[in-house]
Protein backbone atom coordinates (compact mmCIF):
# COMPACT_ATOMS: atom_id res chain seq x y z
CA UNK A 1 0.24 0.05 0.05
CA UNK A 2 1.40 3.51 -1.09
CA UNK A 3 -0.19 6.57 0.02
CA UNK A 4 0.10 9.52 -2.42
CA UNK A 5 -0.15 12.94 -1.17
CA UNK A 6 -0.16 16.37 -3.13
CA UNK A 7 -0.49 20.17 -2.54
CA UNK A 8 0.59 20.06 1.32
CA UNK A 9 0.55 23.95 0.67
CA UNK A 10 2.31 24.65 4.49
CA UNK A 11 -0.91 23.21 5.99
CA UNK A 12 0.36 21.71 9.50
CA UNK A 13 -2.81 20.56 10.88
CA UNK A 14 -4.01 18.82 7.55
CA UNK A 15 -0.72 17.09 7.10
CA UNK A 16 -0.70 16.09 10.90
CA UNK A 17 -4.30 14.62 10.40
CA UNK A 18 -3.82 12.96 7.08
CA UNK A 19 -0.71 11.36 8.52
CA UNK A 20 -2.20 10.03 11.25
CA UNK A 21 -5.17 8.72 9.30
CA UNK A 22 -2.57 6.52 7.35
CA UNK A 23 -2.09 4.76 10.53
CA UNK A 24 -5.08 2.52 10.01
CA UNK A 25 -3.77 1.13 6.87
CA UNK A 26 -0.57 -0.97 6.13
CA UNK A 27 1.08 2.01 4.37
CA UNK A 28 4.40 1.09 3.31
CA UNK A 29 5.83 4.06 1.49
CA UNK A 30 4.67 7.78 1.37
CA UNK A 31 5.09 9.66 -1.43
CA UNK A 32 4.58 13.24 -2.13
CA UNK A 33 3.74 14.51 -5.51
CA UNK A 34 4.78 18.31 -4.86
CA UNK A 35 3.87 22.11 -3.66
CA UNK A 36 5.25 21.39 0.09
CA UNK A 37 4.93 25.23 0.43
CA UNK A 38 2.70 28.25 -0.40
CA UNK A 39 -0.44 29.98 0.75
CA UNK A 40 -0.27 28.44 4.44
CA UNK A 41 1.12 29.54 7.33
CA UNK A 42 3.81 26.68 8.52
CA UNK A 43 6.33 26.29 6.06
CA UNK A 44 9.70 25.18 7.99
CA UNK A 45 7.02 22.44 9.98
CA UNK A 46 5.91 20.91 6.74
CA UNK A 47 9.14 20.77 4.79
CA UNK A 48 10.71 19.09 8.03
CA UNK A 49 7.77 16.60 8.56
CA UNK A 50 7.66 15.74 4.96
CA UNK A 51 11.52 15.18 4.77
CA UNK A 52 11.05 13.01 7.91
CA UNK A 53 7.83 10.78 6.57
CA UNK A 54 8.12 10.76 2.75
CA UNK A 55 10.04 8.32 0.70
CA UNK A 56 9.86 10.46 -2.32
CA UNK A 57 8.84 14.41 -2.70
CA UNK A 58 8.46 15.85 -6.22
CA UNK A 59 8.77 19.50 -7.03
CA UNK A 60 5.44 21.85 -7.38
CA UNK A 61 5.50 25.10 -9.26
CA UNK A 62 5.16 26.71 -5.72
CA UNK A 63 8.27 25.11 -4.69
CA UNK A 64 9.94 26.12 -7.61
CA UNK A 65 8.64 29.47 -7.44
CA UNK A 66 10.19 29.53 -3.84
CA UNK A 67 13.38 29.07 -5.57
CA UNK A 68 13.45 31.02 -8.77
CA UNK A 69 11.34 34.39 -8.56
CA UNK A 70 11.36 33.30 -13.07
CA UNK A 71 8.73 30.48 -11.94
CA UNK A 72 6.13 32.84 -10.60
CA UNK A 73 4.95 33.57 -13.95
CA UNK A 74 1.07 33.12 -14.17
CA UNK A 75 0.85 33.15 -10.50
CA UNK A 76 -2.20 35.52 -8.92
CA UNK A 77 -1.40 38.25 -6.34
CA UNK A 78 -2.10 36.11 -3.23
CA UNK A 79 -0.07 33.32 -4.73
CA UNK A 80 2.95 35.73 -4.92
CA UNK A 81 2.34 37.43 -1.56
CA UNK A 82 2.51 33.73 -0.10
CA UNK A 83 5.73 33.03 -1.89
CA UNK A 84 7.31 36.31 -0.87
CA UNK A 85 5.91 35.62 2.72
CA UNK A 86 7.46 32.29 3.05
CA UNK A 87 10.71 33.14 1.46
CA UNK A 88 11.06 35.65 4.23
CA UNK A 89 10.02 33.08 6.96
CA UNK A 90 12.55 30.75 5.47
CA UNK A 91 15.25 33.35 5.19
CA UNK A 92 17.89 31.82 3.28
CA UNK A 93 20.66 33.83 4.85
CA UNK A 94 20.21 32.20 7.91
CA UNK A 95 22.13 28.98 8.16
CA UNK A 96 19.92 27.46 10.24
CA UNK A 97 17.56 27.08 7.28
CA UNK A 98 20.45 26.22 4.21
CA UNK A 99 19.68 22.55 4.85
CA UNK A 100 16.03 23.14 3.63
CA UNK A 101 16.68 25.54 0.89
CA UNK A 102 19.26 22.57 -0.46
CA UNK A 103 16.68 20.15 -0.24
CA UNK A 104 13.94 22.17 -2.01
CA UNK A 105 16.75 22.65 -4.73
CA UNK A 106 17.33 18.90 -5.13
CA UNK A 107 13.43 17.84 -6.07
CA UNK A 108 12.00 17.26 -9.51
CA UNK A 109 8.86 17.29 -10.70
CA UNK A 110 8.55 13.95 -12.17
CA UNK A 111 9.68 10.47 -11.54
CA UNK A 112 8.77 6.82 -12.36
CA UNK A 113 8.14 4.51 -9.67
CA UNK A 114 8.93 0.76 -9.75
CA UNK A 115 6.70 -0.45 -6.76
CA UNK A 116 8.23 -4.02 -6.93
CA UNK A 117 6.69 -7.25 -6.03
CA UNK A 118 5.59 -7.71 -9.90
CA UNK A 119 3.65 -4.43 -9.67
CA UNK A 120 3.83 -2.35 -13.03
CA UNK A 121 5.86 1.10 -13.05
CA UNK A 122 3.97 4.15 -12.82
CA UNK A 123 4.10 7.94 -13.37
CA UNK A 124 4.26 10.27 -11.13
CA UNK A 125 3.90 14.17 -11.83
CA UNK A 126 3.21 17.51 -9.90
CA UNK A 127 1.06 18.66 -12.80
CA UNK A 128 0.77 16.36 -15.97
CA UNK A 129 2.60 14.17 -17.83
CA UNK A 130 3.06 16.62 -20.92
CA UNK A 131 4.54 19.43 -18.62
CA UNK A 132 4.99 18.11 -15.27
CA UNK A 133 5.82 21.31 -13.27
CA UNK A 134 2.69 23.51 -14.23
CA UNK A 135 0.06 22.48 -16.51
CA UNK A 136 -3.52 22.23 -15.49
CA UNK A 137 -5.60 19.40 -16.15
CA UNK A 138 -8.77 20.54 -14.75
CA UNK A 139 -11.84 18.45 -13.98
CA UNK A 140 -14.02 20.38 -16.74
CA UNK A 141 -11.91 19.35 -19.67
CA UNK A 142 -13.36 16.55 -21.75
CA UNK A 143 -11.83 13.56 -22.28
CA UNK A 144 -11.44 13.81 -25.88
CA UNK A 145 -9.89 17.47 -25.91
CA UNK A 146 -6.70 17.61 -27.62
CA UNK A 147 -5.00 18.66 -24.23
CA UNK A 148 -5.97 15.37 -22.28
CA UNK A 149 -5.28 13.18 -25.23
CA UNK A 150 -1.92 14.84 -25.61
CA UNK A 151 -0.89 13.91 -21.96
CA UNK A 152 -2.10 10.32 -22.57
CA UNK A 153 0.53 10.38 -25.41
CA UNK A 154 3.00 11.81 -23.57
CA UNK A 155 2.33 9.52 -20.31
CA UNK A 156 5.58 6.97 -19.76
CA UNK A 157 3.22 4.31 -18.53
CA UNK A 158 -0.31 3.00 -18.41
CA UNK A 159 -1.26 4.78 -15.05
CA UNK A 160 -0.16 8.38 -13.83
CA UNK A 161 -0.56 9.96 -11.11
CA UNK A 162 -0.48 14.14 -10.79
CA UNK A 163 -1.82 16.61 -8.48
CA UNK A 164 -1.66 20.35 -9.00
CA UNK A 165 -5.68 21.22 -9.40
CA UNK A 166 -6.48 20.27 -5.78
CA UNK A 167 -9.58 18.33 -7.52
CA UNK A 168 -9.47 14.54 -6.74
CA UNK A 169 -10.43 12.06 -9.22
CA UNK A 170 -9.51 10.62 -12.42
CA UNK A 171 -9.73 10.56 -15.89
CA UNK A 172 -9.59 7.01 -17.94
CA UNK A 173 -8.96 7.40 -21.48
CA UNK A 174 -11.86 8.27 -23.60
CA UNK A 175 -13.86 9.68 -20.94
CA UNK A 176 -14.51 12.74 -19.10
CA UNK A 177 -12.95 13.46 -15.77
CA UNK A 178 -14.59 11.19 -13.17
CA UNK A 179 -14.63 13.28 -9.68
CA UNK A 180 -13.65 11.36 -6.41
CA UNK A 181 -16.26 12.28 -3.63
CA UNK A 182 -15.72 11.03 -0.34
CA UNK A 183 -13.94 7.75 -0.07
CA UNK A 184 -14.01 6.30 -3.85
CA UNK A 185 -12.63 3.80 -4.74
CA UNK A 186 -11.44 3.20 -8.47
CA UNK A 187 -10.77 -0.28 -9.75
CA UNK A 188 -8.28 -0.09 -12.40
CA UNK A 189 -9.24 -1.89 -15.15
CA UNK A 190 -6.55 -4.02 -17.35
CA UNK A 191 -5.07 -2.56 -20.52
CA UNK A 192 -7.09 0.72 -19.82
CA UNK A 193 -4.86 4.06 -19.16
CA UNK A 194 -5.42 6.71 -16.18
CA UNK A 195 -4.57 10.01 -15.47
CA UNK A 196 -5.10 9.86 -11.56
CA UNK A 197 -5.27 13.55 -9.34
CA UNK A 198 -4.62 12.45 -5.63
CA UNK A 199 -6.23 15.77 -4.47
CA UNK A 200 -4.81 18.17 -2.05
CA UNK A 201 -3.83 17.91 1.52
CA UNK A 202 -3.25 21.48 2.25
CA UNK A 203 -6.14 23.42 0.09
CA UNK A 204 -8.80 21.53 -1.45
CA UNK A 205 -10.72 23.32 -3.93
CA UNK A 206 -13.67 20.93 -4.81
CA UNK A 207 -16.16 22.00 -2.04
CA UNK A 208 -15.19 19.55 0.60
CA UNK A 209 -12.84 21.04 3.13
CA UNK A 210 -11.47 17.68 4.13
CA UNK A 211 -7.61 16.90 3.47
CA UNK A 212 -7.59 14.60 0.31
CA UNK A 213 -5.16 11.72 -0.41
CA UNK A 214 -5.17 8.71 -2.01
CA UNK A 215 -4.11 4.94 -1.35
CA UNK A 216 -2.70 2.64 -4.20
CA UNK A 217 -1.99 -0.86 -3.71
CA UNK A 218 -1.19 -1.49 -7.90
CA UNK A 219 -4.96 -2.52 -8.52
CA UNK A 220 -7.11 -0.06 -6.81
CA UNK A 221 -7.03 3.79 -5.88
CA UNK A 222 -9.05 4.75 -2.77
CA UNK A 223 -9.30 8.32 -1.94
CA UNK A 224 -9.43 9.40 1.79
CA UNK A 225 -11.29 12.28 3.19
CA UNK A 226 -9.95 13.77 6.31
CA UNK A 227 -11.23 16.14 8.92
CA UNK A 228 -8.60 18.51 10.47
CA UNK A 229 -8.63 21.87 12.40
CA UNK A 230 -9.55 24.14 9.41
CA UNK A 231 -10.08 26.59 11.86
CA UNK A 232 -6.84 26.56 13.44
CA UNK A 233 -5.13 26.81 10.17
CA UNK A 234 -7.06 29.44 8.93
CA UNK A 235 -6.16 31.48 12.11
CA UNK A 236 -2.76 30.71 11.19
CA UNK A 237 -2.89 32.37 8.14
CA UNK A 238 -4.64 35.26 9.25
CA UNK A 239 -1.76 35.79 12.21
CA UNK A 240 0.70 35.48 9.88
CA UNK A 241 -0.60 38.44 8.09
CA UNK A 242 -1.14 36.26 5.04
CA UNK A 243 -3.90 37.51 2.96
CA UNK A 244 -7.39 36.69 4.34
CA UNK A 245 -8.89 34.78 1.35
CA UNK A 246 -6.28 32.06 2.06
CA UNK A 247 -8.02 31.64 5.60
CA UNK A 248 -11.44 31.75 4.52
CA UNK A 249 -11.01 29.18 1.79
CA UNK A 250 -10.07 26.54 3.99
CA UNK A 251 -13.28 26.61 5.57
CA UNK A 252 -15.26 25.89 2.63
CA UNK A 253 -12.90 23.87 0.29
CA UNK A 254 -12.44 26.16 -2.40
């Protein structure tokens, strides 16, 4: 059993709740698909916890933007303010933060995972197989659109996992996006190709404020929705002086 998490966005309360939930399952590996930082008020603690518990971590577009301002292209004002605040919070001039910056700089937005025990290899990306760092595979895209088809063609393996949009669910080749609601399960069909979004731990946007992640055992994907103290996470954002809208959206999952 592999747990796939993504888009933590410096939300410590949500990450800790998801990790507690995983204790109920025989999880042998935790993999993060990126965006460890951004938006939330606990970047240092979330980085440290992610390094501690995850076997592999990908680079997300917010992680890249923290490292290089040129990667903030396309960011809205709230995202830019949050990245600037995070950079100040993790002051790279302080020696105590150097290890964290070095670790972030070693991340990549895509990898292949070979689970072993005869299970087939899968592709892991932050955003999409075609553009692993920043392309949006939004749930309103039709399965027959050129963007979705191009990503199936670009995928290295039959099954690809991604995050980035904060909407759990999947594209089965030839079909529109299927939203994962609650603790939905997808039984993987042999010889069918999939693009699977694991959802967001730190900032869900599908109208469900609970943290979202996915469990994968080679035969099925099971999404988990986990309640956490959204009030505390929201309050931390306000106390940090980050945009109020970033605090408010956690309460409604938008």
